[in-house]
């Protein structure tokens, strides 16, 4: 599987993770800031939460990591949590904005 194909599978896996308070997956919400697949199939994800005091702070990054680890071909996963830049609703995809009534 090529790097681009693996990245596509990783995105599909991330899209199965939902913020428990919002009916939209974390990818469409714009919580994933960066996603890199390295040549040895190691995956790096930089992500944020809707707020530093988000009740899911202890579980969402771990759930994202677990879903990526389940993707066939992934060697290792590193998920980094950041709040820089701070999350805003402008980071949501058009699909998420429609789902949540922002459009």
PDB file of N, CA and C in Angstrom:
ATOM      1  N   UNK A   1       0.850  -1.175   0.000  1.00  0.00           N
ATOM      2  CA  UNK A   1       0.000   0.000   0.000  1.00  0.00           C
ATOM      3  C   UNK A   1       0.903   1.248   0.000  1.00  0.00           C
ATOM      4  N   UNK A   2       0.589   2.206  -0.868  1.00  0.00           N
ATOM      5  CA  UNK A   2       1.388   3.427  -0.951  1.00  0.00           C
ATOM      6  C   UNK A   2       1.104   4.333   0.251  1.00  0.00           C
ATOM      7  N   UNK A   3       1.957   5.340   0.433  1.00  0.00           N
ATOM      8  CA  UNK A   3       1.760   6.292   1.534  1.00  0.00           C
ATOM      9  C   UNK A   3       0.418   7.002   1.407  1.00  0.00           C
ATOM     10  N   UNK A   4       0.067   7.394   0.182  1.00  0.00           N
ATOM     11  CA  UNK A   4      -1.197   8.112  -0.015  1.00  0.00           C
ATOM     12  C   UNK A   4      -2.392   7.205   0.264  1.00  0.00           C
ATOM     13  N   UNK A   5      -2.299   5.949  -0.130  1.00  0.00           N
ATOM     14  CA  UNK A   5      -3.388   5.003   0.159  1.00  0.00           C
ATOM     15  C   UNK A   5      -3.510   4.765   1.662  1.00  0.00           C
ATOM     16  N   UNK A   6      -2.367   4.637   2.336  1.00  0.00           N
ATOM     17  CA  UNK A   6      -2.387   4.433   3.781  1.00  0.00           C
ATOM     18  C   UNK A   6      -2.976   5.658   4.477  1.00  0.00           C
ATOM     19  N   UNK A   7      -2.596   6.840   4.015  1.00  0.00           N
ATOM     20  CA  UNK A   7      -3.125   8.071   4.607  1.00  0.00           C
ATOM     21  C   UNK A   7      -4.646   8.116   4.453  1.00  0.00           C
ATOM     22  N   UNK A   8      -5.138   7.705   3.295  1.00  0.00           N
ATOM     23  CA  UNK A   8      -6.584   7.665   3.046  1.00  0.00           C
ATOM     24  C   UNK A   8      -7.269   6.712   4.025  1.00  0.00           C
ATOM     25  N   UNK A   9      -6.664   5.571   4.279  1.00  0.00           N
ATOM     26  CA  UNK A   9      -7.231   4.604   5.230  1.00  0.00           C
ATOM     27  C   UNK A   9      -7.194   5.154   6.656  1.00  0.00           C
ATOM     28  N   UNK A  10      -6.129   5.874   6.990  1.00  0.00           N
ATOM     29  CA  UNK A  10      -6.012   6.492   8.318  1.00  0.00           C
ATOM     30  C   UNK A  10      -7.113   7.531   8.504  1.00  0.00           C
ATOM     31  N   UNK A  11      -7.355   8.345   7.466  1.00  0.00           N
ATOM     32  CA  UNK A  11      -8.428   9.348   7.553  1.00  0.00           C
ATOM     33  C   UNK A  11      -9.777   8.662   7.764  1.00  0.00           C
ATOM     34  N   UNK A  12     -10.018   7.567   7.040  1.00  0.00           N
ATOM     35  CA  UNK A  12     -11.275   6.818   7.222  1.00  0.00           C
ATOM     36  C   UNK A  12     -11.409   6.353   8.670  1.00  0.00           C
ATOM     37  N   UNK A  13     -10.307   5.877   9.246  1.00  0.00           N
ATOM     38  CA  UNK A  13     -10.330   5.407  10.640  1.00  0.00           C
ATOM     39  C   UNK A  13     -10.616   6.557  11.598  1.00  0.00           C
ATOM     40  N   UNK A  14      -9.970   7.704  11.362  1.00  0.00           N
ATOM     41  CA  UNK A  14     -10.191   8.869  12.225  1.00  0.00           C
ATOM     42  C   UNK A  14     -11.652   9.313  12.151  1.00  0.00           C
ATOM     43  N   UNK A  15     -12.259   9.182  10.976  1.00  0.00           N
ATOM     44  CA  UNK A  15     -13.650   9.600  10.803  1.00  0.00           C
ATOM     45  C   UNK A  15     -14.645   8.713  11.552  1.00  0.00           C
ATOM     46  N   UNK A  16     -14.164   7.653  12.188  1.00  0.00           N
ATOM     47  CA  UNK A  16     -15.058   6.820  13.009  1.00  0.00           C
ATOM     48  C   UNK A  16     -15.057   7.277  14.467  1.00  0.00           C
ATOM     49  N   UNK A  17     -14.256   8.303  14.771  1.00  0.00           N
ATOM     50  CA  UNK A  17     -14.174   8.820  16.141  1.00  0.00           C
ATOM     51  C   UNK A  17     -15.030  10.081  16.238  1.00  0.00           C
ATOM     52  N   UNK A  18     -15.952  10.065  17.182  1.00  0.00           N
ATOM     53  CA  UNK A  18     -16.870  11.192  17.370  1.00  0.00           C
ATOM     54  C   UNK A  18     -16.676  11.821  18.736  1.00  0.00           C
ATOM     55  N   UNK A  19     -16.792  13.139  18.779  1.00  0.00           N
ATOM     56  CA  UNK A  19     -16.863  13.844  20.054  1.00  0.00           C
ATOM     57  C   UNK A  19     -18.210  13.440  20.643  1.00  0.00           C
ATOM     58  N   UNK A  20     -18.244  12.914  21.879  1.00  0.00           N
ATOM     59  CA  UNK A  20     -19.504  12.417  22.432  1.00  0.00           C
ATOM     60  C   UNK A  20     -20.589  13.483  22.590  1.00  0.00           C
ATOM     61  N   UNK A  21     -20.202  14.742  22.577  1.00  0.00           N
ATOM     62  CA  UNK A  21     -21.194  15.805  22.756  1.00  0.00           C
ATOM     63  C   UNK A  21     -21.674  16.400  21.438  1.00  0.00           C
ATOM     64  N   UNK A  22     -21.028  16.022  20.325  1.00  0.00           N
ATOM     65  CA  UNK A  22     -21.343  16.609  19.020  1.00  0.00           C
ATOM     66  C   UNK A  22     -21.482  15.468  18.005  1.00  0.00           C
ATOM     67  N   UNK A  23     -22.570  15.440  17.230  1.00  0.00           N
ATOM     68  CA  UNK A  23     -22.794  14.320  16.299  1.00  0.00           C
ATOM     69  C   UNK A  23     -22.001  14.410  14.997  1.00  0.00           C
ATOM     70  N   UNK A  24     -20.740  14.831  15.089  1.00  0.00           N
ATOM     71  CA  UNK A  24     -19.873  14.959  13.912  1.00  0.00           C
ATOM     72  C   UNK A  24     -18.515  14.363  14.282  1.00  0.00           C
ATOM     73  N   UNK A  25     -17.883  13.667  13.318  1.00  0.00           N
ATOM     74  CA  UNK A  25     -16.591  13.048  13.628  1.00  0.00           C
ATOM     75  C   UNK A  25     -15.496  14.097  13.806  1.00  0.00           C
ATOM     76  N   UNK A  26     -14.432  13.716  14.498  1.00  0.00           N
ATOM     77  CA  UNK A  26     -13.364  14.657  14.860  1.00  0.00           C
ATOM     78  C   UNK A  26     -12.633  15.211  13.638  1.00  0.00           C
ATOM     79  N   UNK A  27     -12.600  14.459  12.540  1.00  0.00           N
ATOM     80  CA  UNK A  27     -11.939  14.938  11.320  1.00  0.00           C
ATOM     81  C   UNK A  27     -12.746  16.079  10.708  1.00  0.00           C
ATOM     82  N   UNK A  28     -14.043  15.877  10.548  1.00  0.00           N
ATOM     83  CA  UNK A  28     -14.901  16.909   9.958  1.00  0.00           C
ATOM     84  C   UNK A  28     -15.048  18.115  10.885  1.00  0.00           C
ATOM     85  N   UNK A  29     -14.932  17.894  12.193  1.00  0.00           N
ATOM     86  CA  UNK A  29     -14.983  19.012  13.135  1.00  0.00           C
ATOM     87  C   UNK A  29     -13.769  19.921  13.013  1.00  0.00           C
ATOM     88  N   UNK A  30     -12.706  19.416  12.385  1.00  0.00           N
ATOM     89  CA  UNK A  30     -11.491  20.212  12.232  1.00  0.00           C
ATOM     90  C   UNK A  30     -10.532  20.061  13.397  1.00  0.00           C
ATOM     91  N   UNK A  31     -10.701  18.987  14.170  1.00  0.00           N
ATOM     92  CA  UNK A  31      -9.838  18.776  15.336  1.00  0.00           C
ATOM     93  C   UNK A  31      -8.477  18.200  14.957  1.00  0.00           C
ATOM     94  N   UNK A  32      -8.353  17.702  13.729  1.00  0.00           N
ATOM     95  CA  UNK A  32      -7.075  17.146  13.266  1.00  0.00           C
ATOM     96  C   UNK A  32      -6.322  18.266  12.544  1.00  0.00           C
ATOM     97  N   UNK A  33      -5.244  18.740  13.147  1.00  0.00           N
ATOM     98  CA  UNK A  33      -4.456  19.825  12.571  1.00  0.00           C
ATOM     99  C   UNK A  33      -3.437  19.332  11.558  1.00  0.00           C
ATOM    100  N   UNK A  34      -2.853  18.173  11.801  1.00  0.00           N
ATOM    101  CA  UNK A  34      -1.804  17.667  10.929  1.00  0.00           C
ATOM    102  C   UNK A  34      -1.835  16.148  10.936  1.00  0.00           C
ATOM    103  N   UNK A  35      -1.567  15.565   9.783  1.00  0.00           N
ATOM    104  CA  UNK A  35      -1.523  14.112   9.649  1.00  0.00           C
ATOM    105  C   UNK A  35      -0.399  13.786   8.676  1.00  0.00           C
ATOM    106  N   UNK A  36       0.573  13.032   9.175  1.00  0.00           N
ATOM    107  CA  UNK A  36       1.710  12.649   8.335  1.00  0.00           C
ATOM    108  C   UNK A  36       1.886  11.135   8.389  1.00  0.00           C
ATOM    109  N   UNK A  37       2.185  10.571   7.228  1.00  0.00           N
ATOM    110  CA  UNK A  37       2.542   9.159   7.145  1.00  0.00           C
ATOM    111  C   UNK A  37       3.978   9.129   6.656  1.00  0.00           C
ATOM    112  N   UNK A  38       4.856   8.544   7.450  1.00  0.00           N
ATOM    113  CA  UNK A  38       6.271   8.468   7.101  1.00  0.00           C
ATOM    114  C   UNK A  38       6.555   7.179   6.324  1.00  0.00           C
ATOM    115  N   UNK A  39       7.669   7.130   5.577  1.00  0.00           N
ATOM    116  CA  UNK A  39       7.964   5.982   4.713  1.00  0.00           C
ATOM    117  C   UNK A  39       7.928   4.613   5.394  1.00  0.00           C
ATOM    118  N   UNK A  40       8.164   4.553   6.695  1.00  0.00           N
ATOM    119  CA  UNK A  40       8.126   3.250   7.376  1.00  0.00           C
ATOM    120  C   UNK A  40       6.728   2.965   7.953  1.00  0.00           C
ATOM    121  N   UNK A  41       5.722   3.726   7.443  1.00  0.00           N
ATOM    122  CA  UNK A  41       4.320   3.577   7.857  1.00  0.00           C
ATOM    123  C   UNK A  41       4.066   3.966   9.302  1.00  0.00           C
ATOM    124  N   UNK A  42       4.908   4.867   9.814  1.00  0.00           N
ATOM    125  CA  UNK A  42       4.620   5.481  11.107  1.00  0.00           C
ATOM    126  C   UNK A  42       3.703   6.668  10.838  1.00  0.00           C
ATOM    127  N   UNK A  43       2.712   6.861  11.711  1.00  0.00           N
ATOM    128  CA  UNK A  43       1.724   7.919  11.531  1.00  0.00           C
ATOM    129  C   UNK A  43       1.852   8.927  12.672  1.00  0.00           C
ATOM    130  N   UNK A  44       1.879  10.208  12.294  1.00  0.00           N
ATOM    131  CA  UNK A  44       1.909  11.286  13.276  1.00  0.00           C
ATOM    132  C   UNK A  44       0.648  12.122  13.096  1.00  0.00           C
ATOM    133  N   UNK A  45      -0.035  12.390  14.212  1.00  0.00           N
ATOM    134  CA  UNK A  45      -1.237  13.224  14.191  1.00  0.00           C
ATOM    135  C   UNK A  45      -1.090  14.319  15.232  1.00  0.00           C
ATOM    136  N   UNK A  46      -1.356  15.549  14.797  1.00  0.00           N
ATOM    137  CA  UNK A  46      -1.453  16.673  15.719  1.00  0.00           C
ATOM    138  C   UNK A  46      -2.926  17.044  15.752  1.00  0.00           C
ATOM    139  N   UNK A  47      -3.491  17.060  16.950  1.00  0.00           N
ATOM    140  CA  UNK A  47      -4.917  17.341  17.065  1.00  0.00           C
ATOM    141  C   UNK A  47      -5.204  18.260  18.233  1.00  0.00           C
ATOM    142  N   UNK A  48      -6.401  18.773  18.253  1.00  0.00           N
ATOM    143  CA  UNK A  48      -6.838  19.625  19.343  1.00  0.00           C
ATOM    144  C   UNK A  48      -8.187  19.131  19.831  1.00  0.00           C
ATOM    145  N   UNK A  49      -8.751  19.844  20.777  1.00  0.00           N
ATOM    146  CA  UNK A  49     -10.095  19.576  21.275  1.00  0.00           C
ATOM    147  C   UNK A  49     -10.891  20.857  21.126  1.00  0.00           C
ATOM    148  N   UNK A  50     -12.202  20.771  21.239  1.00  0.00           N
ATOM    149  CA  UNK A  50     -13.022  21.970  21.089  1.00  0.00           C
ATOM    150  C   UNK A  50     -12.724  22.983  22.181  1.00  0.00           C
ATOM    151  N   UNK A  51     -12.199  22.508  23.322  1.00  0.00           N
ATOM    152  CA  UNK A  51     -11.857  23.393  24.439  1.00  0.00           C
ATOM    153  C   UNK A  51     -10.853  22.678  25.334  1.00  0.00           C
ATOM    154  N   UNK A  52      -9.923  23.411  25.967  1.00  0.00           N
ATOM    155  CA  UNK A  52      -8.981  22.760  26.889  1.00  0.00           C
ATOM    156  C   UNK A  52      -9.682  22.054  28.053  1.00  0.00           C
ATOM    157  N   UNK A  53     -10.887  22.494  28.388  1.00  0.00           N
ATOM    158  CA  UNK A  53     -11.622  21.859  29.485  1.00  0.00           C
ATOM    159  C   UNK A  53     -12.631  20.832  28.977  1.00  0.00           C
ATOM    160  N   UNK A  54     -12.468  20.402  27.737  1.00  0.00           N
ATOM    161  CA  UNK A  54     -13.357  19.410  27.135  1.00  0.00           C
ATOM    162  C   UNK A  54     -13.390  18.149  27.991  1.00  0.00           C
ATOM    163  N   UNK A  55     -14.593  17.662  28.335  1.00  0.00           N
ATOM    164  CA  UNK A  55     -14.689  16.447  29.158  1.00  0.00           C
ATOM    165  C   UNK A  55     -14.067  15.213  28.492  1.00  0.00           C
ATOM    166  N   UNK A  56     -13.905  15.255  27.178  1.00  0.00           N
ATOM    167  CA  UNK A  56     -13.338  14.115  26.444  1.00  0.00           C
ATOM    168  C   UNK A  56     -11.829  14.195  26.299  1.00  0.00           C
ATOM    169  N   UNK A  57     -11.198  15.164  26.949  1.00  0.00           N
ATOM    170  CA  UNK A  57      -9.757  15.365  26.812  1.00  0.00           C
ATOM    171  C   UNK A  57      -8.960  14.105  27.124  1.00  0.00           C
ATOM    172  N   UNK A  58      -9.421  13.337  28.071  1.00  0.00           N
ATOM    173  CA  UNK A  58      -8.691  12.135  28.453  1.00  0.00           C
ATOM    174  C   UNK A  58      -8.923  10.953  27.542  1.00  0.00           C
ATOM    175  N   UNK A  59      -9.972  11.007  26.702  1.00  0.00           N
ATOM    176  CA  UNK A  59     -10.300   9.835  25.895  1.00  0.00           C
ATOM    177  C   UNK A  59     -10.151  10.012  24.390  1.00  0.00           C
ATOM    178  N   UNK A  60     -10.457  11.193  23.849  1.00  0.00           N
ATOM    179  CA  UNK A  60     -10.432  11.357  22.387  1.00  0.00           C
ATOM    180  C   UNK A  60      -9.069  11.101  21.755  1.00  0.00           C
ATOM    181  N   UNK A  61      -7.970  11.682  22.259  1.00  0.00           N
ATOM    182  CA  UNK A  61      -6.675  11.387  21.624  1.00  0.00           C
ATOM    183  C   UNK A  61      -6.343   9.882  21.644  1.00  0.00           C
ATOM    184  N   UNK A  62      -6.646   9.210  22.727  1.00  0.00           N
ATOM    185  CA  UNK A  62      -6.395   7.775  22.820  1.00  0.00           C
ATOM    186  C   UNK A  62      -7.261   6.976  21.864  1.00  0.00           C
ATOM    187  N   UNK A  63      -8.492   7.423  21.683  1.00  0.00           N
ATOM    188  CA  UNK A  63      -9.386   6.739  20.747  1.00  0.00           C
ATOM    189  C   UNK A  63      -8.908   6.927  19.309  1.00  0.00           C
ATOM    190  N   UNK A  64      -8.444   8.131  18.977  1.00  0.00           N
ATOM    191  CA  UNK A  64      -7.883   8.386  17.642  1.00  0.00           C
ATOM    192  C   UNK A  64      -6.674   7.472  17.421  1.00  0.00           C
ATOM    193  N   UNK A  65      -5.795   7.408  18.404  1.00  0.00           N
ATOM    194  CA  UNK A  65      -4.607   6.549  18.288  1.00  0.00           C
ATOM    195  C   UNK A  65      -4.998   5.087  18.092  1.00  0.00           C
ATOM    196  N   UNK A  66      -5.959   4.607  18.878  1.00  0.00           N
ATOM    197  CA  UNK A  66      -6.389   3.209  18.785  1.00  0.00           C
ATOM    198  C   UNK A  66      -6.964   2.895  17.404  1.00  0.00           C
ATOM    199  N   UNK A  67      -7.797   3.783  16.876  1.00  0.00           N
ATOM    200  CA  UNK A  67      -8.400   3.548  15.551  1.00  0.00           C
ATOM    201  C   UNK A  67      -7.335   3.512  14.462  1.00  0.00           C
ATOM    202  N   UNK A  68      -6.326   4.378  14.572  1.00  0.00           N
ATOM    203  CA  UNK A  68      -5.251   4.382  13.575  1.00  0.00           C
ATOM    204  C   UNK A  68      -4.437   3.098  13.681  1.00  0.00           C
ATOM    205  N   UNK A  69      -4.159   2.647  14.900  1.00  0.00           N
ATOM    206  CA  UNK A  69      -3.385   1.407  15.092  1.00  0.00           C
ATOM    207  C   UNK A  69      -4.081   0.204  14.462  1.00  0.00           C
ATOM    208  N   UNK A  70      -5.405   0.252  14.363  1.00  0.00           N
ATOM    209  CA  UNK A  70      -6.175  -0.855  13.786  1.00  0.00           C
ATOM    210  C   UNK A  70      -6.099  -0.901  12.263  1.00  0.00           C
ATOM    211  N   UNK A  71      -5.579   0.154  11.631  1.00  0.00           N
ATOM    212  CA  UNK A  71      -5.465   0.192  10.175  1.00  0.00           C
ATOM    213  C   UNK A  71      -4.337  -0.738   9.746  1.00  0.00           C
ATOM    214  N   UNK A  72      -4.650  -1.642   8.828  1.00  0.00           N
ATOM    215  CA  UNK A  72      -3.654  -2.584   8.342  1.00  0.00           C
ATOM    216  C   UNK A  72      -2.517  -1.845   7.654  1.00  0.00           C
ATOM    217  N   UNK A  73      -1.294  -2.176   8.034  1.00  0.00           N
ATOM    218  CA  UNK A  73      -0.122  -1.563   7.429  1.00  0.00           C
ATOM    219  C   UNK A  73       0.516  -0.488   8.286  1.00  0.00           C
ATOM    220  N   UNK A  74      -0.205   0.018   9.288  1.00  0.00           N
ATOM    221  CA  UNK A  74       0.362   1.048  10.160  1.00  0.00           C
ATOM    222  C   UNK A  74       1.363   0.396  11.095  1.00  0.00           C
ATOM    223  N   UNK A  75       2.555   0.970  11.165  1.00  0.00           N
ATOM    224  CA  UNK A  75       3.615   0.443  12.007  1.00  0.00           C
ATOM    225  C   UNK A  75       3.538   1.014  13.422  1.00  0.00           C
ATOM    226  N   UNK A  76       3.492   2.349  13.536  1.00  0.00           N
ATOM    227  CA  UNK A  76       3.449   2.995  14.850  1.00  0.00           C
ATOM    228  C   UNK A  76       2.647   4.281  14.718  1.00  0.00           C
ATOM    229  N   UNK A  77       2.135   4.774  15.855  1.00  0.00           N
ATOM    230  CA  UNK A  77       1.289   5.968  15.863  1.00  0.00           C
ATOM    231  C   UNK A  77       1.729   6.892  16.984  1.00  0.00           C
ATOM    232  N   UNK A  78       1.769   8.179  16.668  1.00  0.00           N
ATOM    233  CA  UNK A  78       2.033   9.195  17.672  1.00  0.00           C
ATOM    234  C   UNK A  78       0.957  10.265  17.527  1.00  0.00           C
ATOM    235  N   UNK A  79       0.212  10.513  18.619  1.00  0.00           N
ATOM    236  CA  UNK A  79      -0.820  11.542  18.618  1.00  0.00           C
ATOM    237  C   UNK A  79      -0.391  12.630  19.593  1.00  0.00           C
ATOM    238  N   UNK A  80      -0.291  13.846  19.082  1.00  0.00           N
ATOM    239  CA  UNK A  80       0.106  14.986  19.897  1.00  0.00           C
ATOM    240  C   UNK A  80      -1.106  15.900  20.075  1.00  0.00           C
ATOM    241  N   UNK A  81      -1.393  16.278  21.310  1.00  0.00           N
ATOM    242  CA  UNK A  81      -2.495  17.179  21.613  1.00  0.00           C
ATOM    243  C   UNK A  81      -1.952  18.597  21.744  1.00  0.00           C
ATOM    244  N   UNK A  82      -2.574  19.542  21.039  1.00  0.00           N
ATOM    245  CA  UNK A  82      -2.133  20.933  21.091  1.00  0.00           C
ATOM    246  C   UNK A  82      -3.339  21.861  21.163  1.00  0.00           C
ATOM    247  N   UNK A  83      -3.128  23.026  21.696  1.00  0.00           N
ATOM    248  CA  UNK A  83      -4.188  24.042  21.715  1.00  0.00           C
ATOM    249  C   UNK A  83      -3.708  25.318  21.019  1.00  0.00           C
ATOM    250  N   UNK A  84      -2.700  25.164  20.165  1.00  0.00           N
ATOM    251  CA  UNK A  84      -2.149  26.280  19.425  1.00  0.00           C
ATOM    252  C   UNK A  84      -2.144  25.931  17.943  1.00  0.00           C
ATOM    253  N   UNK A  85      -2.972  26.519  17.124  1.00  0.00           N
ATOM    254  CA  UNK A  85      -3.868  27.623  17.469  1.00  0.00           C
ATOM    255  C   UNK A  85      -5.125  27.122  18.180  1.00  0.00           C
ATOM    256  N   UNK A  86      -5.785  27.995  18.930  1.00  0.00           N
ATOM    257  CA  UNK A  86      -7.025  27.595  19.596  1.00  0.00           C
ATOM    258  C   UNK A  86      -8.092  27.205  18.566  1.00  0.00           C
ATOM    259  N   UNK A  87      -8.907  26.244  18.917  1.00  0.00           N
ATOM    260  CA  UNK A  87      -9.967  25.766  18.031  1.00  0.00           C
ATOM    261  C   UNK A  87     -11.057  26.820  17.860  1.00  0.00           C
ATOM    262  N   UNK A  88     -11.530  26.961  16.624  1.00  0.00           N
ATOM    263  CA  UNK A  88     -12.708  27.784  16.345  1.00  0.00           C
ATOM    264  C   UNK A  88     -13.605  27.013  15.391  1.00  0.00           C
ATOM    265  N   UNK A  89     -14.865  27.399  15.321  1.00  0.00           N
ATOM    266  CA  UNK A  89     -15.801  26.705  14.427  1.00  0.00           C
ATOM    267  C   UNK A  89     -15.445  26.909  12.951  1.00  0.00           C
ATOM    268  N   UNK A  90     -14.589  27.877  12.652  1.00  0.00           N
ATOM    269  CA  UNK A  90     -14.139  28.089  11.275  1.00  0.00           C
ATOM    270  C   UNK A  90     -13.320  26.897  10.763  1.00  0.00           C
ATOM    271  N   UNK A  91     -12.823  26.057  11.668  1.00  0.00           N
ATOM    272  CA  UNK A  91     -12.003  24.909  11.291  1.00  0.00           C
ATOM    273  C   UNK A  91     -12.848  23.720  10.827  1.00  0.00           C
ATOM    274  N   UNK A  92     -14.162  23.804  11.025  1.00  0.00           N
ATOM    275  CA  UNK A  92     -15.054  22.720  10.619  1.00  0.00           C
ATOM    276  C   UNK A  92     -15.169  22.647   9.100  1.00  0.00           C
ATOM    277  N   UNK A  93     -15.390  21.442   8.612  1.00  0.00           N
ATOM    278  CA  UNK A  93     -15.649  21.260   7.182  1.00  0.00           C
ATOM    279  C   UNK A  93     -17.049  21.802   6.878  1.00  0.00           C
ATOM    280  N   UNK A  94     -17.310  22.003   5.594  1.00  0.00           N
ATOM    281  CA  UNK A  94     -18.651  22.443   5.166  1.00  0.00           C
ATOM    282  C   UNK A  94     -19.704  21.438   5.646  1.00  0.00           C
ATOM    283  N   UNK A  95     -19.367  20.146   5.534  1.00  0.00           N
ATOM    284  CA  UNK A  95     -20.281  19.078   5.946  1.00  0.00           C
ATOM    285  C   UNK A  95     -20.642  19.213   7.428  1.00  0.00           C
ATOM    286  N   UNK A  96     -19.644  19.460   8.258  1.00  0.00           N
ATOM    287  CA  UNK A  96     -19.891  19.597   9.702  1.00  0.00           C
ATOM    288  C   UNK A  96     -20.730  20.837   9.992  1.00  0.00           C
ATOM    289  N   UNK A  97     -20.437  21.933   9.299  1.00  0.00           N
ATOM    290  CA  UNK A  97     -21.204  23.159   9.492  1.00  0.00           C
ATOM    291  C   UNK A  97     -22.668  22.959   9.129  1.00  0.00           C
ATOM    292  N   UNK A  98     -22.912  22.231   8.034  1.00  0.00           N
ATOM    293  CA  UNK A  98     -24.290  21.941   7.643  1.00  0.00           C
ATOM    294  C   UNK A  98     -24.976  21.064   8.687  1.00  0.00           C
ATOM    295  N   UNK A  99     -24.276  20.026   9.129  1.00  0.00           N
ATOM    296  CA  UNK A  99     -24.831  19.089  10.120  1.00  0.00           C
ATOM    297  C   UNK A  99     -25.206  19.806  11.411  1.00  0.00           C
ATOM    298  N   UNK A 100     -24.407  20.773  11.809  1.00  0.00           N
ATOM    299  CA  UNK A 100     -24.614  21.457  13.085  1.00  0.00           C
ATOM    300  C   UNK A 100     -25.403  22.763  12.953  1.00  0.00           C
ATOM    301  N   UNK A 101     -25.850  23.061  11.737  1.00  0.00           N
ATOM    302  CA  UNK A 101     -26.683  24.242  11.530  1.00  0.00           C
ATOM    303  C   UNK A 101     -25.942  25.558  11.495  1.00  0.00           C
ATOM    304  N   UNK A 102     -24.645  25.537  11.163  1.00  0.00           N
ATOM    305  CA  UNK A 102     -23.875  26.766  11.060  1.00  0.00           C
ATOM    306  C   UNK A 102     -23.995  27.404   9.685  1.00  0.00           C
ATOM    307  N   UNK A 103     -24.696  26.743   8.764  1.00  0.00           N
ATOM    308  CA  UNK A 103     -24.868  27.287   7.402  1.00  0.00           C
ATOM    309  C   UNK A 103     -26.336  27.305   7.056  1.00  0.00           C
TER     310      UNK A 103
END
